[in-house]
Amino acid sequence: MKKNAFLIIVALTIAALLIGICSGNEFYSPIKVIKIFADPHSHQFENTILLQLRIPRVWCAFLVGSGLSVSGLILQAILKNPLAESYILGISGGASIGIAAGIILGQIASIPLFAFAGSILSIFILVLAASIRKVSSGTLILVGIMLNFIFSSFSLLVITLLQKERFMEAVIWFMGNLSSYQPVILKIAPVFLLPAYAITWFFWKQLNIFSMGEEKSIALGLDPEKKRYLWFVITGLITGYCVSLAGLVGFVGLVIPHAVRILAGADHKSCIPFSILVGGSFLVLADTLARTIVQPVEIPVGVISGFFGGIIFVLILLKTARKQKW
């Protein structure tokens, strides 16, 4: 069943990427795309559009969607809470402070490092709050929600006061936007995402143990408190990079892991690759809809992902409410 589901998801991923590449102000059929690549000299204009605009944009959407999905999967496992994700926990908000600092200082090429530093700051505050007084994962999520509001508001305030001409650009970016990603940041994706994915895949058994609960984790020889810090850092790395590309895109890290568990079960050995493919495909389709539904106006991708992600989450919640004790 899982093998068949994986093959279906791979096929759907290829279809989503193809739809993203073919769609735009002018729709290119798959046959035309093949002709363009087969004879680029006769289709120089179309070839430029595909190579310099559409394919990088689709690849960017796939990376962000897969990254947010994997980070949500990790957080839900280590906190054993179905509502955990980087956006809700305030990690994305912390990354936004780092990016705001990078924009103000003009360090565009170093924005992923600023975003990572901001996300680590948010994680440090969460861990500090949890260590001062041991709190439940539900309380930790409430702290994260407040941090997200505080950080996002502060970032907007700083940009408004120091660079008023970029205020609207910042507002759209805070809604999640793929139209103004930095190519130099996109090119360094392997430096940030590949090590994080490799570590996540290598320690999938640890995530399985985390998801059993703290008492069972200790009984199986795992120290949840110490190991959780490592996973927080990995999540901060992934989230910081994704936020530096697309801004604050919500619901992907919340919804996709739940959908993946329905398809692949609770074993993280299957959930990790499923999350990469499903999360990436979801955001590719969301971004394709965002840039084509109201041409020539482009809607922030966070609006589309939030709308459909919210609907999907409600449907999943209704379907699993009888089985889960949430």
Protein backbone atom coordinates (compact mmCIF):
# COMPACT_ATOMS: atom_id res chain seq x y z
CA MET A 1 0.00 0.00 0.00
CA LYS A 2 2.78 2.44 0.95
CA LYS A 3 4.75 1.55 -2.17
CA ASN A 4 1.72 2.24 -4.35
CA ALA A 5 1.05 5.47 -2.46
CA PHE A 6 4.66 6.56 -2.98
CA LEU A 7 4.47 5.90 -6.73
CA ILE A 8 1.22 7.86 -6.92
CA ILE A 9 2.77 10.78 -5.04
CA VAL A 10 5.83 10.75 -7.30
CA ALA A 11 3.51 10.90 -10.32
CA LEU A 12 1.50 13.73 -8.77
CA THR A 13 4.73 15.59 -7.95
CA ILE A 14 5.86 15.37 -11.57
CA ALA A 15 2.40 16.56 -12.67
CA ALA A 16 2.52 19.50 -10.23
CA LEU A 17 5.97 20.56 -11.46
CA LEU A 18 4.81 20.28 -15.07
CA ILE A 19 1.70 22.37 -14.36
CA GLY A 20 3.84 25.02 -12.69
CA ILE A 21 6.25 25.17 -15.63
CA CYS A 22 3.52 25.25 -18.28
CA SER A 23 1.36 27.88 -16.56
CA GLY A 24 1.85 31.64 -16.72
CA ASN A 25 0.64 34.68 -18.63
CA GLU A 26 0.68 32.36 -21.62
CA PHE A 27 0.05 28.64 -21.20
CA TYR A 28 2.63 26.37 -22.81
CA SER A 29 1.45 22.84 -23.46
CA PRO A 30 3.83 20.02 -22.45
CA ILE A 31 4.42 19.32 -26.15
CA LYS A 32 5.40 22.97 -26.72
CA VAL A 33 7.75 22.86 -23.72
CA ILE A 34 9.49 19.85 -25.23
CA LYS A 35 9.76 21.65 -28.58
CA ILE A 36 11.24 24.73 -26.88
CA PHE A 37 13.93 22.70 -25.16
CA ALA A 38 14.57 20.60 -28.26
CA ASP A 39 15.12 23.67 -30.46
CA PRO A 40 16.01 26.64 -28.20
CA HIS A 41 17.40 28.75 -31.07
CA SER A 42 13.99 28.85 -32.77
CA HIS A 43 12.22 29.67 -29.49
CA GLN A 44 14.65 32.04 -27.80
CA PHE A 45 11.97 34.17 -26.11
CA GLU A 46 10.03 31.18 -24.75
CA ASN A 47 13.26 29.45 -23.75
CA THR A 48 14.30 32.51 -21.73
CA ILE A 49 10.93 32.59 -19.98
CA LEU A 50 11.19 28.93 -19.01
CA LEU A 51 14.84 28.92 -17.91
CA GLN A 52 15.01 32.30 -16.19
CA LEU A 53 11.49 32.75 -14.82
CA ARG A 54 9.24 29.73 -14.59
CA ILE A 55 11.59 26.86 -13.74
CA PRO A 56 13.47 28.77 -10.97
CA ARG A 57 10.13 29.96 -9.56
CA VAL A 58 8.70 26.43 -9.54
CA TRP A 59 11.89 25.07 -7.98
CA CYS A 60 11.77 27.80 -5.32
CA ALA A 61 8.15 26.94 -4.46
CA PHE A 62 9.01 23.23 -4.23
CA LEU A 63 11.95 23.87 -1.88
CA VAL A 64 9.93 26.12 0.42
CA GLY A 65 6.96 23.74 0.51
CA SER A 66 9.13 20.71 1.22
CA GLY A 67 11.16 22.54 3.88
CA LEU A 68 8.14 23.84 5.78
CA SER A 69 6.51 20.42 5.60
CA VAL A 70 9.55 18.61 7.00
CA SER A 71 9.99 21.20 9.76
CA GLY A 72 6.33 20.77 10.73
CA LEU A 73 6.75 16.99 10.77
CA ILE A 74 9.75 17.28 13.09
CA LEU A 75 8.05 19.71 15.50
CA GLN A 76 4.87 17.66 15.72
CA ALA A 77 6.95 14.59 16.57
CA ILE A 78 9.29 16.09 19.19
CA LEU A 79 6.49 18.02 20.90
CA LYS A 80 3.88 15.31 20.32
CA ASN A 81 1.35 17.96 19.42
CA PRO A 82 -0.69 18.02 16.19
CA LEU A 83 -0.73 21.84 16.14
CA ALA A 84 3.04 22.32 16.21
CA GLU A 85 4.68 24.02 13.20
CA SER A 86 7.35 26.65 12.67
CA TYR A 87 4.85 29.44 11.88
CA ILE A 88 2.66 28.83 14.93
CA LEU A 89 5.63 28.35 17.27
CA GLY A 90 7.02 31.74 16.29
CA ILE A 91 10.16 30.35 14.61
CA SER A 92 9.12 31.95 11.32
CA GLY A 93 8.47 35.21 13.15
CA GLY A 94 11.97 35.08 14.61
CA ALA A 95 13.38 34.52 11.13
CA SER A 96 11.46 37.60 9.96
CA ILE A 97 13.38 39.76 12.44
CA GLY A 98 16.64 38.45 11.04
CA ILE A 99 15.54 39.17 7.48
CA ALA A 100 14.37 42.66 8.41
CA ALA A 101 17.86 43.28 9.84
CA GLY A 102 19.42 41.94 6.64
CA ILE A 103 17.24 44.19 4.46
CA ILE A 104 18.04 47.28 6.52
CA LEU A 105 21.79 46.54 6.51
CA GLY A 106 21.69 45.80 2.78
CA GLN A 107 23.17 42.31 3.27
CA ILE A 108 20.96 40.57 0.69
CA ALA A 109 23.41 37.73 0.02
CA SER A 110 23.62 36.97 3.77
CA ILE A 111 19.86 36.97 4.37
CA PRO A 112 19.68 33.18 5.03
CA LEU A 113 22.23 33.61 7.82
CA PHE A 114 20.24 36.50 9.30
CA ALA A 115 17.04 34.45 9.03
CA PHE A 116 18.70 31.46 10.69
CA ALA A 117 19.98 33.68 13.51
CA GLY A 118 16.47 35.09 14.02
CA SER A 119 14.90 31.64 14.09
CA ILE A 120 17.52 30.44 16.61
CA LEU A 121 16.68 33.49 18.76
CA SER A 122 13.02 32.46 18.75
CA ILE A 123 13.92 28.85 19.57
CA PHE A 124 16.18 30.04 22.42
CA ILE A 125 13.29 32.01 23.93
CA LEU A 126 10.98 28.97 23.62
CA VAL A 127 13.54 26.67 25.24
CA LEU A 128 14.23 29.22 27.97
CA ALA A 129 10.51 29.53 28.70
CA ALA A 130 10.21 25.76 28.89
CA SER A 131 13.27 25.34 31.14
CA ILE A 132 12.37 28.06 33.65
CA ARG A 133 9.07 26.41 34.28
CA LYS A 134 8.28 23.06 32.75
CA VAL A 135 5.28 23.62 30.54
CA SER A 136 3.17 21.42 28.32
CA SER A 137 3.48 21.44 24.55
CA GLY A 138 0.12 23.24 24.37
CA THR A 139 1.42 26.08 26.55
CA LEU A 140 4.61 26.18 24.49
CA ILE A 141 2.53 26.63 21.34
CA LEU A 142 0.65 29.53 22.94
CA VAL A 143 4.00 31.14 23.80
CA GLY A 144 5.07 30.61 20.20
CA ILE A 145 1.92 32.26 18.85
CA MET A 146 2.59 35.32 20.97
CA LEU A 147 6.24 35.38 19.86
CA ASN A 148 5.13 35.24 16.23
CA PHE A 149 2.87 38.27 16.68
CA ILE A 150 5.55 40.20 18.59
CA PHE A 151 8.36 39.46 16.14
CA SER A 152 6.29 40.09 13.02
CA SER A 153 4.92 43.35 14.40
CA PHE A 154 8.36 44.51 15.46
CA SER A 155 9.82 43.69 12.02
CA LEU A 156 7.08 45.69 10.30
CA LEU A 157 7.61 48.58 12.72
CA VAL A 158 11.35 48.69 12.03
CA ILE A 159 10.92 48.56 8.25
CA THR A 160 8.19 51.21 8.41
CA LEU A 161 10.31 53.62 10.43
CA LEU A 162 13.59 53.12 8.60
CA GLN A 163 12.54 52.29 5.03
CA LYS A 164 9.03 53.57 4.41
CA GLU A 165 9.36 53.15 0.66
CA ARG A 166 9.65 49.37 1.16
CA PHE A 167 6.70 49.05 3.54
CA MET A 168 4.24 47.57 1.02
CA GLU A 169 6.88 45.16 -0.23
CA ALA A 170 7.44 44.05 3.36
CA VAL A 171 3.69 43.61 3.96
CA ILE A 172 3.37 41.35 0.91
CA TRP A 173 6.46 39.47 2.00
CA PHE A 174 4.92 38.87 5.45
CA MET A 175 1.90 37.35 3.68
CA GLY A 176 4.18 34.90 1.87
CA ASN A 177 5.50 35.88 -1.54
CA LEU A 178 7.59 34.05 -4.14
CA SER A 179 7.73 36.80 -6.76
CA SER A 180 10.75 38.57 -5.28
CA TYR A 181 12.98 35.73 -4.17
CA GLN A 182 16.72 36.25 -4.46
CA PRO A 183 18.37 33.97 -7.07
CA VAL A 184 21.60 33.93 -5.07
CA ILE A 185 19.69 32.56 -2.07
CA LEU A 186 17.97 29.96 -4.22
CA LYS A 187 21.33 28.69 -5.52
CA ILE A 188 22.64 27.88 -2.04
CA ALA A 189 19.71 25.59 -1.19
CA PRO A 190 21.94 22.47 -0.99
CA VAL A 191 24.04 24.11 1.73
CA PHE A 192 21.02 24.54 4.00
CA LEU A 193 18.47 21.87 3.09
CA LEU A 194 20.48 18.80 2.09
CA PRO A 195 22.31 18.44 5.45
CA ALA A 196 19.07 19.05 7.34
CA TYR A 197 17.17 16.46 5.28
CA ALA A 198 20.05 13.98 5.58
CA ILE A 199 20.14 14.26 9.38
CA THR A 200 16.35 14.00 9.59
CA TRP A 201 16.38 10.86 7.44
CA PHE A 202 19.31 9.32 9.31
CA PHE A 203 17.57 9.74 12.70
CA TRP A 204 14.04 8.82 11.65
CA LYS A 205 13.90 6.17 14.40
CA GLN A 206 14.49 8.91 16.98
CA LEU A 207 11.47 10.81 15.69
CA ASN A 208 9.41 7.63 16.02
CA ILE A 209 10.47 7.34 19.65
CA PHE A 210 9.70 11.02 20.30
CA SER A 211 6.19 10.56 18.93
CA MET A 212 5.50 7.85 21.54
CA GLY A 213 5.63 10.38 24.36
CA GLU A 214 8.21 11.49 26.92
CA GLU A 215 7.80 8.58 29.34
CA LYS A 216 8.22 5.92 26.66
CA SER A 217 11.13 7.87 25.17
CA ILE A 218 12.98 7.80 28.50
CA ALA A 219 12.17 4.09 28.94
CA LEU A 220 13.72 3.40 25.53
CA GLY A 221 16.94 5.22 26.51
CA LEU A 222 16.30 8.57 24.81
CA ASP A 223 16.80 11.82 26.72
CA PRO A 224 13.99 14.00 25.25
CA GLU A 225 15.23 17.25 26.76
CA LYS A 226 18.76 17.06 25.32
CA LYS A 227 17.82 15.58 21.94
CA ARG A 228 15.02 18.09 21.47
CA TYR A 229 17.55 20.95 21.31
CA LEU A 230 19.24 19.40 18.26
CA TRP A 231 15.92 19.05 16.47
CA PHE A 232 15.04 22.65 17.29
CA VAL A 233 18.29 23.79 15.64
CA ILE A 234 17.58 21.68 12.54
CA THR A 235 14.09 23.12 12.35
CA GLY A 236 15.48 26.63 12.73
CA LEU A 237 17.93 26.00 9.89
CA ILE A 238 15.19 24.80 7.53
CA THR A 239 12.70 27.49 8.54
CA GLY A 240 15.23 30.30 8.33
CA TYR A 241 16.14 29.35 4.77
CA CYS A 242 12.50 28.95 3.67
CA VAL A 243 11.48 32.29 5.18
CA SER A 244 14.42 34.01 3.48
CA LEU A 245 13.06 32.79 0.13
CA ALA A 246 9.30 33.20 0.48
CA GLY A 247 8.49 35.13 3.63
CA LEU A 248 5.94 33.86 6.13
CA VAL A 249 3.98 31.07 4.46
CA GLY A 250 1.56 29.51 6.92
CA PHE A 251 -0.36 26.22 7.12
CA VAL A 252 2.03 24.16 4.96
CA GLY A 253 3.96 22.81 7.95
CA LEU A 254 0.70 22.26 9.83
CA VAL A 255 -1.43 20.54 7.19
CA ILE A 256 0.95 18.47 5.06
CA PRO A 257 2.33 16.24 7.88
CA HIS A 258 -1.24 15.26 8.81
CA ALA A 259 -2.07 14.43 5.20
CA VAL A 260 1.16 12.45 4.91
CA ARG A 261 0.40 10.36 8.00
CA ILE A 262 -2.92 9.37 6.46
CA LEU A 263 -1.07 8.17 3.35
CA ALA A 264 2.10 6.72 4.88
CA GLY A 265 1.22 5.94 8.47
CA ALA A 266 3.11 7.13 11.56
CA ASP A 267 6.53 5.69 10.60
CA HIS A 268 8.86 8.62 9.90
CA LYS A 269 10.95 6.49 7.56
CA SER A 270 8.07 6.89 5.09
CA CYS A 271 6.76 10.23 6.33
CA ILE A 272 9.98 12.16 5.62
CA PRO A 273 10.19 11.52 1.83
CA PHE A 274 6.40 11.79 1.56
CA SER A 275 6.51 15.19 3.28
CA ILE A 276 9.21 16.47 0.93
CA LEU A 277 7.22 15.51 -2.17
CA VAL A 278 3.71 16.40 -0.95
CA GLY A 279 4.75 19.69 0.68
CA GLY A 280 6.71 20.77 -2.38
CA SER A 281 3.91 19.83 -4.77
CA PHE A 282 1.30 21.61 -2.66
CA LEU A 283 3.15 24.92 -2.67
CA VAL A 284 3.99 24.64 -6.38
CA LEU A 285 0.27 24.31 -7.16
CA ALA A 286 -0.60 27.09 -4.69
CA ASP A 287 1.95 29.43 -6.27
CA THR A 288 0.78 28.53 -9.79
CA LEU A 289 -2.76 29.46 -8.79
CA ALA A 290 -1.52 32.64 -7.08
CA ARG A 291 0.16 33.93 -10.25
CA THR A 292 -2.50 32.88 -12.76
CA ILE A 293 -5.94 33.15 -11.13
CA VAL A 294 -6.25 36.95 -11.43
CA GLN A 295 -3.89 37.91 -14.23
CA PRO A 296 -2.00 40.19 -14.44
CA VAL A 297 -2.32 40.69 -10.65
CA GLU A 298 -0.31 38.25 -8.56
CA ILE A 299 -1.73 37.11 -5.23
CA PRO A 300 0.71 36.36 -2.35
CA VAL A 301 1.17 32.60 -2.16
CA GLY A 302 0.54 32.68 1.59
CA VAL A 303 -3.06 33.72 0.91
CA ILE A 304 -3.64 30.68 -1.31
CA SER A 305 -1.82 28.23 0.97
CA GLY A 306 -3.70 29.57 4.00
CA PHE A 307 -7.09 29.30 2.28
CA PHE A 308 -6.73 25.78 0.92
CA GLY A 309 -4.54 24.63 3.81
CA GLY A 310 -7.22 25.70 6.29
CA ILE A 311 -9.91 23.82 4.38
CA ILE A 312 -7.77 20.68 4.12
CA PHE A 313 -6.91 20.83 7.82
CA VAL A 314 -10.57 21.07 8.81
CA LEU A 315 -11.40 18.07 6.62
CA ILE A 316 -8.53 16.04 8.10
CA LEU A 317 -9.55 17.09 11.61
CA LEU A 318 -13.15 15.99 11.05
CA LYS A 319 -11.99 12.68 9.56
CA THR A 320 -9.59 11.82 12.38
CA ALA A 321 -11.46 13.41 15.33
CA ARG A 322 -13.02 10.11 16.35
CA LYS A 323 -9.67 8.32 16.38
CA GLN A 324 -7.52 11.03 17.95
CA LYS A 325 -7.86 12.36 21.48
CA TRP A 326 -6.95 15.96 20.74
